[in-house]
Amino acid sequence: MKTISIKELHAATGKWVRAAKRETITVTDRGERIAELRPIAASTASPKFPKRDWSKMPSSDLDSTDLISADRDGR
């Protein structure tokens, strides 16, 4: 487990957050432990995009750009 100060976290936040994918990082304030950055358990991570059943989606012969333009013209 790695320990860093708030100052180190502030100076390189992205670096430490990416490092937390691999190990738990403890953040200290004047030597006192105040927070932890730790990896998310694989079982709790959700997929970026859910699978969709396209056969259940409504179909249309209309062009979406025409629909959007008509909607914007009404404003």
Protein backbone atom coordinates (compact mmCIF):
# COMPACT_ATOMS: atom_id res chain seq x y z
CA MET A 1 0.00 0.00 0.00
CA LYS A 2 1.39 3.38 -1.05
CA THR A 3 1.04 6.51 1.11
CA ILE A 4 1.02 10.04 -0.33
CA SER A 5 0.32 13.52 1.03
CA ILE A 6 -2.47 15.84 -0.08
CA LYS A 7 0.20 18.00 -1.72
CA GLU A 8 1.42 15.05 -3.82
CA LEU A 9 -2.17 14.17 -4.74
CA HIS A 10 -2.90 17.76 -5.76
CA ALA A 11 0.27 18.00 -7.86
CA ALA A 12 -0.40 14.82 -9.85
CA THR A 13 -4.02 13.77 -9.36
CA GLY A 14 -4.33 11.85 -12.64
CA LYS A 15 -1.16 9.89 -11.98
CA TRP A 16 -2.35 8.78 -8.54
CA VAL A 17 -5.89 7.96 -9.64
CA ARG A 18 -4.53 5.78 -12.46
CA ALA A 19 -2.12 4.14 -9.99
CA ALA A 20 -5.11 3.30 -7.78
CA LYS A 21 -6.26 0.86 -10.47
CA ARG A 22 -3.42 -1.41 -9.33
CA GLU A 23 -3.10 -0.80 -5.59
CA THR A 24 -4.66 1.04 -2.65
CA ILE A 25 -3.19 4.48 -2.02
CA THR A 26 -3.57 6.17 1.36
CA VAL A 27 -3.76 9.98 1.43
CA THR A 28 -2.42 11.79 4.50
CA ASP A 29 -2.78 15.30 5.89
CA ARG A 30 0.15 16.24 8.11
CA GLY A 31 0.82 12.56 8.77
CA GLU A 32 -2.81 11.69 9.61
CA ARG A 33 -4.52 9.16 7.33
CA ILE A 34 -7.62 10.83 5.85
CA ALA A 35 -8.58 8.96 2.68
CA GLU A 36 -7.94 5.98 0.45
CA LEU A 37 -7.90 5.59 -3.30
CA ARG A 38 -8.49 1.96 -4.19
CA PRO A 39 -9.40 -0.09 -7.22
CA ILE A 40 -13.05 -0.82 -7.90
CA ALA A 41 -13.85 -4.51 -7.53
CA ALA A 42 -14.35 -6.18 -10.89
CA SER A 43 -17.79 -7.46 -9.88
CA THR A 44 -19.12 -3.94 -9.19
CA ALA A 45 -17.87 -2.41 -12.44
CA SER A 46 -20.66 -2.04 -14.99
CA PRO A 47 -20.17 -2.32 -18.75
CA LYS A 48 -19.64 0.99 -20.51
CA PHE A 49 -22.61 0.49 -22.83
CA PRO A 50 -25.42 -1.95 -22.08
CA LYS A 51 -26.36 -4.48 -24.74
CA ARG A 52 -29.50 -3.45 -26.61
CA ASP A 53 -32.02 -5.59 -28.43
CA TRP A 54 -32.38 -3.58 -31.64
CA SER A 55 -35.35 -5.67 -32.75
CA LYS A 56 -37.42 -4.03 -29.97
CA MET A 57 -36.56 -0.51 -31.13
CA PRO A 58 -39.24 1.30 -33.16
CA SER A 59 -38.50 1.71 -36.84
CA SER A 60 -39.27 4.70 -39.02
CA ASP A 61 -38.91 5.73 -42.65
CA LEU A 62 -38.23 9.33 -41.60
CA ASP A 63 -34.81 10.92 -41.68
CA SER A 64 -33.71 11.94 -38.18
CA THR A 65 -32.13 15.16 -39.46
CA ASP A 66 -35.53 16.24 -40.84
CA LEU A 67 -37.16 15.56 -37.46
CA ILE A 68 -34.51 17.51 -35.57
CA SER A 69 -34.68 20.43 -38.00
CA ALA A 70 -38.46 20.58 -37.72
CA ASP A 71 -38.21 20.56 -33.94
CA ARG A 72 -35.67 23.38 -33.94
CA ASP A 73 -37.71 25.48 -36.39
CA GLY A 74 -40.60 25.47 -33.93
CA ARG A 75 -38.61 27.41 -31.34
